[in-house]
Amino acid sequence: MLGKIKSAEATLSRSERKVADQVLQNPEKIVEASIQQLAKMATVSEPTVVRFCRAIGCNGYHDFKLRLARSIASQDTFFFRDVTAADNSRELSEKLIDSAIASMQHIRNELDYQAIDRAIEMYCSAERVEFYGSGGSGLVAEDAQLKFFRLGKPAIAYVDPHVQKAAASLLDKNSLVVVISYTGKNRDVIEAVELARHAGATVISVTRTSSPLSQLSHINLNVDVNEDSDTFSPLKSRLAQMMVLDILAVGIALKGGDSMMDQLALATAAIADKFVE
């Protein structure tokens, strides 16, 4: 929840940002506060607090407090800690593993499950799927291709921005594009999405809530991982992106029933002789 608030700050009104600042500075205190108390702390009106809650994807103040409490509870056990040059191998390992677990807990608590259901339907309605990403997110796009090409529809990943734009311009209404980006602000990726939408394709994004990319997409699978270090941020964001795409792929496979299971079995059998006893 705290990561989602931080990522959404730029899209909030001035008054809503005052509420966000109070929450980010005093999350434990806010969990115990009434809506009247939070409004007073932020020097705003109670309706502004409600608008803030809805702006970050909550149904109201009660829903917001429940999500905030879950977020804080998760961080009590596993939390993000920056590594330092003084860390020994045990400390380094524990910090990175704890951060990875915290990322997964955060995704579990904040993921929009209705969006997952809609994304599965979008895949089922499409005739082909393309994955776009650059840098670290490009690696996630290529990993997604390895998962999805076995699900019965043509699937390909493009990581070169020029190729992405050329491919996007050739799509049609029967095509689905899944775009992966940590910031959701990559200009090349955004331009490729604009071309894809102009061509009539459906677009699913895997990125931060309220980012420019998420707003261009038909549906966004939110990945709001709270990164504490620019140096090691790809580790957390890539794990979160891959997890969301794994959820999508497994959901599609289960929806496909026996025919989908037969499809996956054929793909597995085709390479069975490549493994030694």
Protein backbone atom coordinates (compact mmCIF):
# COMPACT_ATOMS: atom_id res chain seq x y z
CA MET A 1 0.00 0.00 0.00
CA LEU A 2 2.78 2.46 0.86
CA GLY A 3 4.47 1.74 -2.46
CA LYS A 4 1.20 2.32 -4.31
CA ILE A 5 0.73 5.68 -2.54
CA LYS A 6 4.27 6.76 -3.41
CA SER A 7 3.83 5.85 -7.06
CA ALA A 8 0.47 7.63 -7.28
CA GLU A 9 1.59 10.89 -5.63
CA ALA A 10 2.28 12.66 -8.92
CA THR A 11 -1.33 12.14 -10.07
CA LEU A 12 -2.96 13.32 -6.85
CA SER A 13 -4.37 16.79 -6.29
CA ARG A 14 -2.56 19.16 -3.92
CA SER A 15 -4.98 18.39 -1.09
CA GLU A 16 -4.81 14.64 -1.69
CA ARG A 17 -1.00 14.81 -1.60
CA LYS A 18 -1.24 16.32 1.89
CA VAL A 19 -3.14 13.19 2.96
CA ALA A 20 -0.57 10.98 1.22
CA ASP A 21 2.27 12.74 3.05
CA GLN A 22 0.66 12.06 6.41
CA VAL A 23 0.15 8.39 5.60
CA LEU A 24 3.72 7.91 4.35
CA GLN A 25 5.18 9.68 7.39
CA ASN A 26 3.00 7.98 10.03
CA PRO A 27 1.54 4.72 8.63
CA GLU A 28 1.23 2.98 12.01
CA LYS A 29 -0.52 6.00 13.51
CA ILE A 30 -2.92 6.31 10.56
CA VAL A 31 -4.07 2.70 11.00
CA GLU A 32 -5.50 3.74 14.38
CA ALA A 33 -6.85 7.11 13.24
CA SER A 34 -10.45 7.94 12.38
CA ILE A 35 -11.24 9.75 9.15
CA GLN A 36 -11.83 12.91 11.18
CA GLN A 37 -8.40 12.61 12.81
CA LEU A 38 -6.61 12.04 9.51
CA ALA A 39 -8.39 15.00 7.95
CA LYS A 40 -7.27 17.18 10.86
CA MET A 41 -3.67 15.92 10.67
CA ALA A 42 -3.52 16.70 6.94
CA THR A 43 -5.48 19.99 7.30
CA VAL A 44 -8.00 18.90 4.67
CA SER A 45 -11.71 18.06 4.61
CA GLU A 46 -13.11 14.58 5.20
CA PRO A 47 -14.38 14.34 1.56
CA THR A 48 -10.76 14.96 0.47
CA VAL A 49 -9.65 11.94 2.51
CA VAL A 50 -12.32 9.84 0.78
CA ARG A 51 -11.18 11.10 -2.64
CA PHE A 52 -7.60 10.20 -1.74
CA CYS A 53 -8.67 6.66 -0.81
CA ARG A 54 -10.47 6.19 -4.11
CA ALA A 55 -7.58 7.71 -6.07
CA ILE A 56 -5.28 4.92 -4.86
CA GLY A 57 -7.78 2.17 -5.67
CA CYS A 58 -9.63 1.71 -2.37
CA ASN A 59 -13.41 1.61 -1.98
CA GLY A 60 -13.37 4.00 0.95
CA TYR A 61 -11.61 4.86 4.19
CA HIS A 62 -12.36 1.53 5.88
CA ASP A 63 -11.00 -0.42 2.91
CA PHE A 64 -7.93 1.84 2.86
CA LYS A 65 -7.17 1.20 6.54
CA LEU A 66 -7.51 -2.57 6.12
CA ARG A 67 -5.09 -2.59 3.21
CA LEU A 68 -2.66 -0.32 5.03
CA ALA A 69 -2.73 -2.57 8.09
CA ARG A 70 -2.01 -5.65 5.97
CA SER A 71 0.87 -3.85 4.28
CA ILE A 72 2.43 -2.87 7.60
CA ALA A 73 1.93 -6.37 9.02
CA SER A 74 3.76 -7.91 6.05
CA GLN A 75 6.72 -5.61 6.55
CA ASP A 76 7.04 -6.65 10.22
CA THR A 77 8.42 -10.04 9.15
CA PHE A 78 9.97 -9.42 5.74
CA PHE A 79 10.98 -5.95 4.65
CA PHE A 80 13.19 -4.05 2.22
CA ARG A 81 16.74 -3.41 3.46
CA ASP A 82 19.55 -1.93 1.41
CA VAL A 83 22.72 -3.98 1.13
CA THR A 84 26.05 -2.39 2.06
CA ALA A 85 29.71 -3.09 1.35
CA ALA A 86 30.10 -4.14 5.00
CA ASP A 87 27.60 -7.02 4.66
CA ASN A 88 28.98 -10.53 4.80
CA SER A 89 27.54 -13.22 2.54
CA ARG A 90 24.94 -14.26 5.12
CA GLU A 91 23.72 -10.70 5.69
CA LEU A 92 23.67 -10.04 1.95
CA SER A 93 21.68 -13.21 1.29
CA GLU A 94 19.20 -12.56 4.07
CA LYS A 95 18.57 -8.99 2.93
CA LEU A 96 18.01 -9.94 -0.70
CA ILE A 97 15.81 -12.92 0.14
CA ASP A 98 13.76 -10.95 2.68
CA SER A 99 13.29 -8.19 0.12
CA ALA A 100 12.15 -10.70 -2.50
CA ILE A 101 9.63 -12.24 -0.09
CA ALA A 102 8.40 -8.78 0.90
CA SER A 103 7.87 -7.98 -2.79
CA MET A 104 5.75 -11.10 -3.24
CA GLN A 105 3.71 -10.33 -0.12
CA HIS A 106 3.16 -6.81 -1.38
CA ILE A 107 1.95 -8.07 -4.75
CA ARG A 108 -0.39 -10.56 -3.04
CA ASN A 109 -1.95 -7.80 -0.94
CA GLU A 110 -2.23 -5.15 -3.65
CA LEU A 111 -2.89 -7.01 -6.90
CA ASP A 112 -6.17 -6.19 -8.65
CA TYR A 113 -7.71 -9.65 -9.03
CA GLN A 114 -10.61 -8.38 -11.13
CA ALA A 115 -8.00 -7.06 -13.56
CA ILE A 116 -6.46 -10.55 -13.70
CA ASP A 117 -9.85 -12.02 -14.62
CA ARG A 118 -10.32 -9.43 -17.36
CA ALA A 119 -6.80 -10.03 -18.68
CA ILE A 120 -7.51 -13.76 -18.95
CA GLU A 121 -10.65 -13.01 -20.99
CA MET A 122 -8.67 -10.64 -23.23
CA TYR A 123 -6.13 -13.37 -23.93
CA CYS A 124 -8.85 -15.90 -24.73
CA SER A 125 -10.43 -13.45 -27.19
CA ALA A 126 -7.18 -12.68 -29.03
CA GLU A 127 -5.65 -14.61 -31.92
CA ARG A 128 -2.02 -13.64 -31.22
CA VAL A 129 -0.09 -12.05 -28.38
CA GLU A 130 3.04 -9.89 -28.37
CA PHE A 131 5.17 -8.89 -25.37
CA TYR A 132 7.05 -5.57 -25.25
CA GLY A 133 9.67 -4.50 -22.72
CA SER A 134 13.09 -2.87 -22.59
CA GLY A 135 16.10 -3.28 -20.31
CA GLY A 136 15.27 -5.48 -17.33
CA SER A 137 11.63 -5.54 -18.36
CA GLY A 138 12.76 -6.84 -21.76
CA LEU A 139 14.11 -9.93 -20.02
CA VAL A 140 10.70 -10.38 -18.40
CA ALA A 141 9.03 -10.06 -21.82
CA GLU A 142 11.27 -12.81 -23.22
CA ASP A 143 10.55 -15.01 -20.20
CA ALA A 144 6.83 -14.47 -20.78
CA GLN A 145 7.16 -15.63 -24.37
CA LEU A 146 8.57 -18.95 -23.13
CA LYS A 147 5.49 -19.39 -20.94
CA PHE A 148 2.76 -18.24 -23.30
CA PHE A 149 3.76 -19.75 -26.65
CA ARG A 150 2.78 -23.16 -25.23
CA LEU A 151 -0.76 -21.98 -24.52
CA GLY A 152 -1.95 -22.46 -28.08
CA LYS A 153 -1.60 -19.02 -29.68
CA PRO A 154 1.29 -17.35 -31.52
CA ALA A 155 3.35 -15.42 -28.95
CA ILE A 156 6.51 -13.39 -29.48
CA ALA A 157 8.56 -10.91 -27.47
CA TYR A 158 10.15 -7.75 -28.86
CA VAL A 159 12.75 -5.82 -26.85
CA ASP A 160 14.16 -3.53 -29.54
CA PRO A 161 12.18 -0.23 -29.58
CA HIS A 162 12.33 0.12 -33.36
CA VAL A 163 11.04 -3.42 -33.88
CA GLN A 164 8.33 -2.84 -31.26
CA LYS A 165 6.99 0.17 -33.17
CA ALA A 166 7.12 -1.59 -36.53
CA ALA A 167 5.38 -4.68 -35.11
CA ALA A 168 2.77 -2.58 -33.27
CA SER A 169 1.80 -0.76 -36.46
CA LEU A 170 0.98 -4.10 -38.14
CA LEU A 171 -1.39 -5.39 -35.47
CA ASP A 172 -5.18 -5.58 -35.72
CA LYS A 173 -8.27 -5.93 -33.53
CA ASN A 174 -7.55 -9.63 -32.98
CA SER A 175 -4.14 -8.94 -31.45
CA LEU A 176 -3.15 -8.58 -27.79
CA VAL A 177 -0.09 -6.68 -26.59
CA VAL A 178 1.30 -7.20 -23.07
CA VAL A 179 3.64 -4.34 -22.17
CA ILE A 180 6.01 -4.61 -19.21
CA SER A 181 7.67 -1.58 -17.62
CA TYR A 182 8.78 -0.80 -14.05
CA THR A 183 8.27 2.98 -14.25
CA GLY A 184 5.56 3.05 -16.91
CA LYS A 185 7.27 6.15 -18.31
CA ASN A 186 9.53 4.74 -21.03
CA ARG A 187 8.94 6.93 -24.08
CA ASP A 188 9.71 4.22 -26.65
CA VAL A 189 7.35 1.72 -25.04
CA ILE A 190 4.60 4.33 -24.74
CA GLU A 191 4.94 5.22 -28.43
CA ALA A 192 4.72 1.52 -29.36
CA VAL A 193 1.54 1.20 -27.30
CA GLU A 194 0.03 4.23 -29.01
CA LEU A 195 0.70 2.60 -32.39
CA ALA A 196 -0.78 -0.70 -31.19
CA ARG A 197 -3.95 0.99 -29.99
CA HIS A 198 -4.24 2.95 -33.24
CA ALA A 199 -4.02 -0.37 -35.11
CA GLY A 200 -6.93 -1.71 -33.02
CA ALA A 201 -5.02 -4.07 -30.70
CA THR A 202 -5.93 -4.67 -27.07
CA VAL A 203 -3.25 -3.63 -24.58
CA ILE A 204 -2.49 -5.07 -21.13
CA SER A 205 0.22 -3.34 -19.11
CA VAL A 206 2.26 -4.70 -16.21
CA THR A 207 3.45 -1.55 -14.51
CA ARG A 208 2.94 0.94 -11.70
CA THR A 209 -0.53 2.21 -10.84
CA SER A 210 -1.43 5.59 -12.37
CA SER A 211 1.69 5.66 -14.57
CA PRO A 212 1.38 7.05 -18.14
CA LEU A 213 1.59 3.52 -19.54
CA SER A 214 -1.15 2.19 -17.25
CA GLN A 215 -3.46 4.98 -18.35
CA LEU A 216 -2.89 4.12 -22.03
CA SER A 217 -3.74 0.45 -21.54
CA HIS A 218 -7.12 -1.25 -21.61
CA ILE A 219 -6.23 -2.99 -18.35
CA ASN A 220 -3.28 -2.69 -15.97
CA LEU A 221 -1.90 -5.47 -13.78
CA ASN A 222 -0.42 -3.26 -11.10
CA VAL A 223 3.14 -3.83 -9.89
CA ASP A 224 3.83 -1.21 -7.21
CA VAL A 225 6.99 -2.53 -5.60
CA ASN A 226 8.57 -0.10 -3.17
CA GLU A 227 12.19 0.16 -4.31
CA ASP A 228 14.70 1.50 -1.76
CA SER A 229 17.79 1.30 -3.92
CA ASP A 230 18.24 2.35 -7.55
CA THR A 231 21.24 0.02 -7.80
CA PHE A 232 19.36 -3.16 -6.94
CA SER A 233 15.80 -2.18 -7.89
CA PRO A 234 15.66 -4.46 -10.98
CA LEU A 235 15.85 -7.49 -8.70
CA LYS A 236 12.59 -6.68 -6.92
CA SER A 237 10.66 -5.32 -9.88
CA ARG A 238 11.58 -8.20 -12.20
CA LEU A 239 10.50 -10.77 -9.61
CA ALA A 240 7.19 -8.98 -9.16
CA GLN A 241 6.59 -8.68 -12.91
CA MET A 242 7.37 -12.35 -13.48
CA MET A 243 5.05 -13.39 -10.67
CA VAL A 244 2.14 -11.40 -12.14
CA LEU A 245 2.72 -12.95 -15.58
CA ASP A 246 2.98 -16.43 -14.02
CA ILE A 247 -0.41 -15.86 -12.39
CA LEU A 248 -1.85 -14.79 -15.74
CA ALA A 249 -0.37 -17.78 -17.59
CA VAL A 250 -1.56 -20.34 -15.05
CA GLY A 251 -5.01 -18.73 -14.96
CA ILE A 252 -5.24 -19.03 -18.73
CA ALA A 253 -4.09 -22.67 -18.65
CA LEU A 254 -6.67 -23.59 -16.03
CA LYS A 255 -9.45 -21.83 -17.93
CA GLY A 256 -8.50 -23.82 -21.02
CA GLY A 257 -9.42 -27.08 -19.30
CA ASP A 258 -8.47 -30.48 -20.67
CA SER A 259 -7.64 -29.20 -24.16
CA MET A 260 -5.12 -26.76 -22.71
CA MET A 261 -3.58 -29.49 -20.55
CA ASP A 262 -3.23 -31.67 -23.67
CA GLN A 263 -1.51 -28.77 -25.44
CA LEU A 264 1.00 -28.36 -22.62
CA ALA A 265 1.59 -32.10 -22.46
CA LEU A 266 2.46 -32.17 -26.17
CA ALA A 267 5.00 -29.38 -25.72
CA THR A 268 6.58 -31.20 -22.79
CA ALA A 269 6.69 -34.54 -24.62
CA ALA A 270 8.38 -32.95 -27.64
CA ILE A 271 11.53 -32.23 -25.62
CA ALA A 272 11.42 -35.19 -23.24
CA ASP A 273 14.26 -36.99 -25.04
CA LYS A 274 16.62 -34.07 -24.44
CA PHE A 275 17.11 -34.96 -20.78
CA VAL A 276 19.55 -37.57 -19.50
CA GLU A 277 18.46 -40.29 -17.08
